[in-house]
N, C-alpha and C. Protein backbone atom coordinates (compact mmCIF):
# COMPACT_ATOMS: atom_id res chain seq x y z
N MET A 1 120.63 100.66 36.72
CA MET A 1 120.23 98.93 36.77
C MET A 1 119.34 98.44 37.39
N THR A 2 118.49 98.24 36.96
CA THR A 2 116.88 98.44 38.11
C THR A 2 116.12 96.69 36.16
N PRO A 3 116.57 95.46 38.15
CA PRO A 3 116.05 93.94 37.07
C PRO A 3 114.86 94.62 36.54
N LEU A 4 114.41 93.57 35.68
CA LEU A 4 113.22 93.81 34.91
C LEU A 4 112.57 92.81 35.47
N ASN A 5 113.14 91.52 34.89
CA ASN A 5 113.08 89.66 35.48
C ASN A 5 114.13 88.95 35.35
N PHE A 6 114.39 87.84 35.68
CA PHE A 6 115.81 87.09 35.38
C PHE A 6 116.46 87.11 34.79
N THR A 7 115.89 87.76 33.37
CA THR A 7 117.10 88.03 32.42
C THR A 7 116.58 88.88 31.42
N SER A 8 116.41 90.09 31.97
CA SER A 8 115.77 91.52 31.68
C SER A 8 116.42 92.58 32.78
N VAL A 9 116.87 94.04 32.13
CA VAL A 9 117.85 94.89 33.18
C VAL A 9 117.02 96.02 32.38
N ARG A 10 116.85 97.39 33.29
CA ARG A 10 116.87 98.37 32.84
C ARG A 10 118.00 99.01 32.43
N ALA A 11 118.53 99.35 31.96
CA ALA A 11 119.64 100.42 32.15
C ALA A 11 119.19 101.77 32.52
N SER A 12 119.91 102.74 33.32
CA SER A 12 119.69 104.15 32.62
C SER A 12 121.05 105.08 33.28
N TRP A 13 120.55 106.16 32.69
CA TRP A 13 121.80 107.00 32.94
C TRP A 13 121.63 108.55 32.77
N GLN A 14 122.21 109.35 33.06
CA GLN A 14 121.92 111.02 32.84
C GLN A 14 122.67 111.61 32.00
N LEU A 15 122.17 112.51 31.35
CA LEU A 15 123.33 113.35 30.68
C LEU A 15 124.97 113.61 31.14
N PRO A 16 125.80 113.79 30.55
CA PRO A 16 126.58 114.56 31.08
C PRO A 16 126.73 116.10 31.24
N PRO A 17 127.62 116.38 32.25
CA PRO A 17 127.23 117.52 32.19
C PRO A 17 127.82 118.46 31.22
N ALA A 18 127.43 119.82 31.32
CA ALA A 18 126.93 120.35 29.29
C ALA A 18 129.16 120.63 29.37
N ASN A 19 129.69 121.44 30.25
CA ASN A 19 131.11 121.52 29.99
C ASN A 19 132.09 120.24 29.99
N SER A 20 131.89 119.53 29.90
CA SER A 20 132.12 117.87 29.56
C SER A 20 131.68 117.65 28.42
N ALA A 21 131.19 118.07 27.64
CA ALA A 21 130.99 117.52 26.60
C ALA A 21 131.13 118.26 25.59
N TYR A 22 131.96 117.10 24.43
CA TYR A 22 132.71 117.42 23.29
C TYR A 22 131.78 117.60 21.87
N GLY A 23 130.78 118.66 22.37
CA GLY A 23 130.02 118.93 20.86
C GLY A 23 128.74 118.84 21.25
N ILE A 24 128.38 118.93 19.85
CA ILE A 24 126.32 118.47 20.92
C ILE A 24 126.22 117.05 20.40
N ILE A 25 125.36 116.10 21.98
CA ILE A 25 125.33 114.31 21.79
C ILE A 25 124.16 114.38 21.08
N LEU A 26 125.21 113.36 20.10
CA LEU A 26 124.06 112.29 18.79
C LEU A 26 123.33 111.45 19.99
N GLY A 27 124.00 111.15 20.68
CA GLY A 27 123.33 109.50 20.92
C GLY A 27 123.59 109.03 21.75
N PHE A 28 123.75 107.90 22.89
CA PHE A 28 124.85 106.86 23.60
C PHE A 28 125.14 105.19 23.10
N LYS A 29 125.54 105.05 24.03
CA LYS A 29 126.05 103.85 22.81
C LYS A 29 126.51 103.00 24.47
N LEU A 30 125.51 101.53 25.24
CA LEU A 30 125.19 100.90 25.72
C LEU A 30 126.35 99.90 25.33
N LEU A 31 127.05 99.87 26.49
CA LEU A 31 128.15 98.48 25.89
C LEU A 31 127.98 97.36 27.43
N TYR A 32 128.05 96.34 26.51
CA TYR A 32 127.79 95.25 28.11
C TYR A 32 128.42 93.94 27.63
N ARG A 33 128.87 93.03 28.67
CA ARG A 33 129.21 91.75 28.34
C ARG A 33 129.22 91.13 29.57
N ASN A 34 129.20 89.55 29.41
CA ASN A 34 128.80 88.41 30.64
C ASN A 34 130.38 88.68 31.10
N LYS A 35 130.31 89.16 32.34
CA LYS A 35 131.80 89.30 33.52
C LYS A 35 133.14 88.12 32.69
N ARG A 36 132.41 86.78 33.13
CA ARG A 36 132.81 85.40 33.00
C ARG A 36 133.64 85.37 30.93
N SER A 37 133.48 85.88 30.57
CA SER A 37 133.27 85.58 29.27
C SER A 37 134.37 87.17 28.57
N ALA A 38 135.33 87.82 29.47
CA ALA A 38 136.03 89.08 28.88
C ALA A 38 137.06 88.78 27.70
N ALA A 39 137.00 87.73 27.40
CA ALA A 39 137.58 87.70 26.10
C ALA A 39 136.79 87.81 24.55
N GLU A 40 135.65 88.00 25.79
CA GLU A 40 134.64 87.76 23.93
C GLU A 40 133.98 89.11 23.78
N PRO A 41 133.78 89.61 22.23
CA PRO A 41 133.81 91.43 22.38
C PRO A 41 132.42 91.71 22.73
N LEU A 42 132.17 93.40 23.30
CA LEU A 42 130.97 93.65 24.00
C LEU A 42 129.77 93.81 22.96
N THR A 43 128.69 93.90 23.75
CA THR A 43 127.36 93.91 22.96
C THR A 43 127.63 95.54 22.99
N VAL A 44 127.52 95.59 21.83
CA VAL A 44 126.58 97.00 22.09
C VAL A 44 125.47 97.82 21.44
N ILE A 45 125.03 98.12 21.88
CA ILE A 45 123.54 98.87 21.38
C ILE A 45 123.07 100.65 21.50
N THR A 46 123.74 101.10 19.51
CA THR A 46 123.49 102.32 19.97
C THR A 46 122.21 102.89 19.82
N ILE A 47 122.02 104.02 20.76
CA ILE A 47 120.93 104.85 20.73
C ILE A 47 121.09 105.89 20.50
N ARG A 48 120.33 106.45 18.83
CA ARG A 48 120.78 107.32 17.89
C ARG A 48 120.02 108.70 18.17
N SER A 49 119.40 109.70 19.85
CA SER A 49 118.78 110.02 20.58
C SER A 49 119.34 110.24 21.39
N ASN A 50 119.44 112.22 21.78
CA ASN A 50 120.01 112.41 22.99
C ASN A 50 119.16 113.19 24.10
N SER A 51 117.65 112.18 24.23
CA SER A 51 117.20 112.73 25.05
C SER A 51 116.84 111.14 25.13
N THR A 52 117.19 109.77 25.53
CA THR A 52 116.57 108.69 25.42
C THR A 52 117.57 108.02 26.35
N LEU A 53 117.04 108.43 27.55
CA LEU A 53 117.93 108.04 28.85
C LEU A 53 118.08 106.62 29.16
N THR A 54 117.31 105.60 28.85
CA THR A 54 116.68 104.34 29.64
C THR A 54 116.36 103.40 28.20
N LYS A 55 117.17 102.21 28.60
CA LYS A 55 117.35 100.70 27.71
C LYS A 55 116.99 99.90 28.29
N GLU A 56 116.04 98.78 27.64
CA GLU A 56 115.93 97.72 28.43
C GLU A 56 117.01 96.91 27.76
N VAL A 57 117.62 96.03 28.64
CA VAL A 57 118.47 94.80 27.91
C VAL A 57 118.07 93.49 27.87
N THR A 58 117.39 92.32 27.04
CA THR A 58 116.98 91.06 27.24
C THR A 58 117.69 89.98 26.48
N GLY A 59 117.55 89.20 27.34
CA GLY A 59 118.06 87.42 26.69
C GLY A 59 119.32 87.31 27.79
N LEU A 60 119.76 88.00 29.16
CA LEU A 60 120.83 87.59 29.94
C LEU A 60 120.77 86.56 30.16
N GLY A 61 121.63 86.29 30.15
CA GLY A 61 121.59 84.86 31.40
C GLY A 61 120.80 85.38 33.24
N LYS A 62 119.89 84.42 33.16
CA LYS A 62 120.46 84.77 34.95
C LYS A 62 121.06 83.99 35.98
N TYR A 63 121.34 84.91 36.91
CA TYR A 63 122.02 84.96 37.82
C TYR A 63 123.81 85.17 36.85
N THR A 64 123.72 85.86 36.67
CA THR A 64 125.01 86.58 35.65
C THR A 64 125.69 87.42 35.87
N GLU A 65 126.49 87.94 36.04
CA GLU A 65 127.34 88.87 36.33
C GLU A 65 128.15 89.20 35.49
N TYR A 66 127.16 90.56 34.54
CA TYR A 66 127.76 91.17 33.69
C TYR A 66 128.54 92.16 33.86
N ASP A 67 129.09 93.40 33.30
CA ASP A 67 129.67 94.59 32.51
C ASP A 67 128.52 95.55 32.29
N PHE A 68 128.22 96.39 32.79
CA PHE A 68 128.21 97.55 31.35
C PHE A 68 128.65 98.64 31.94
N GLN A 69 128.51 99.49 30.27
CA GLN A 69 129.23 100.69 29.80
C GLN A 69 128.22 101.88 29.40
N VAL A 70 127.90 102.50 29.80
CA VAL A 70 127.13 103.68 28.45
C VAL A 70 128.08 105.28 28.54
N LEU A 71 127.84 105.29 26.98
CA LEU A 71 128.83 106.57 26.97
C LEU A 71 128.00 107.52 25.52
N ALA A 72 128.40 108.63 25.83
CA ALA A 72 127.45 109.03 25.30
C ALA A 72 128.71 109.98 23.72
N PHE A 73 128.26 110.44 22.90
CA PHE A 73 128.87 110.19 21.66
C PHE A 73 128.53 111.61 20.87
N SER A 74 129.45 112.05 19.81
CA SER A 74 128.84 113.65 19.22
C SER A 74 129.83 113.50 18.15
N SER A 75 129.98 114.73 16.89
CA SER A 75 130.57 114.51 16.35
C SER A 75 131.90 114.20 16.03
N ALA A 76 133.00 115.07 17.77
CA ALA A 76 134.17 114.45 18.05
C ALA A 76 134.05 113.28 17.76
N GLY A 77 133.52 112.45 18.49
CA GLY A 77 133.79 110.79 18.92
C GLY A 77 133.21 110.27 20.14
N ASN A 78 133.47 109.53 20.57
CA ASN A 78 133.50 109.15 22.16
C ASN A 78 133.10 108.99 23.35
N GLY A 79 132.60 109.27 23.83
CA GLY A 79 132.95 110.24 25.44
C GLY A 79 133.54 109.75 26.49
N PRO A 80 134.35 109.72 27.87
CA PRO A 80 134.59 109.02 28.38
C PRO A 80 133.60 107.46 29.37
N SER A 81 133.23 106.56 29.89
CA SER A 81 133.07 106.00 30.35
C SER A 81 133.34 105.25 31.79
N SER A 82 132.40 104.96 32.67
CA SER A 82 133.00 104.00 33.19
C SER A 82 132.37 102.85 33.06
N VAL A 83 133.20 101.57 34.01
CA VAL A 83 131.76 100.34 33.79
C VAL A 83 131.11 100.28 35.82
N GLN A 84 130.23 99.45 35.53
CA GLN A 84 129.26 99.43 36.47
C GLN A 84 129.04 97.41 36.28
N VAL A 85 129.18 97.19 37.01
CA VAL A 85 129.02 95.29 37.36
C VAL A 85 127.30 95.21 37.66
N PHE A 86 126.56 94.33 37.52
CA PHE A 86 125.13 94.24 37.59
C PHE A 86 124.87 92.76 37.47
N THR A 87 124.61 91.54 38.49
CA THR A 87 124.43 90.70 38.63
C THR A 87 122.69 90.78 38.23
N THR A 88 122.48 89.51 37.31
CA THR A 88 121.33 89.32 37.12
C THR A 88 120.37 88.84 38.61
N ASN A 89 119.09 88.14 38.26
CA ASN A 89 119.02 87.79 39.33
C ASN A 89 118.60 86.14 39.26
N GLU A 90 117.91 85.34 40.45
CA GLU A 90 118.10 84.21 40.28
C GLU A 90 116.36 83.32 40.49
N ASP A 91 115.97 82.23 39.82
CA ASP A 91 114.61 82.41 40.15
C ASP A 91 114.16 82.77 41.65
N GLY A 92 112.81 83.33 40.86
CA GLY A 92 112.15 83.05 43.01
C GLY A 92 112.70 84.57 42.88
N LYS A 93 113.77 85.54 43.17
CA LYS A 93 114.36 86.29 44.44
C LYS A 93 114.12 87.94 43.02
N LEU A 94 113.07 87.81 42.67
CA LEU A 94 113.06 89.47 42.22
C LEU A 94 112.61 91.15 42.92
């Protein structure tokens, strides 16, 4: 995760190892939510390309902690994912 400004970040990821993919990767799903709102549904951005490895996420709260996940998907379904916690910047701290 790379901060772009106080309310936007660039998420980036790598392709999973070839021996761990279940079929041909069709794309990725970027999931995130405000860590304080764990009861709220995840926001899901579907990226229908197996060559896109970054995505800008905008409209986040300032100095707010978020849980982010990226998972690859194929015709067989979604792959595994781990959670990364990221906190957006405060005003004046880029």
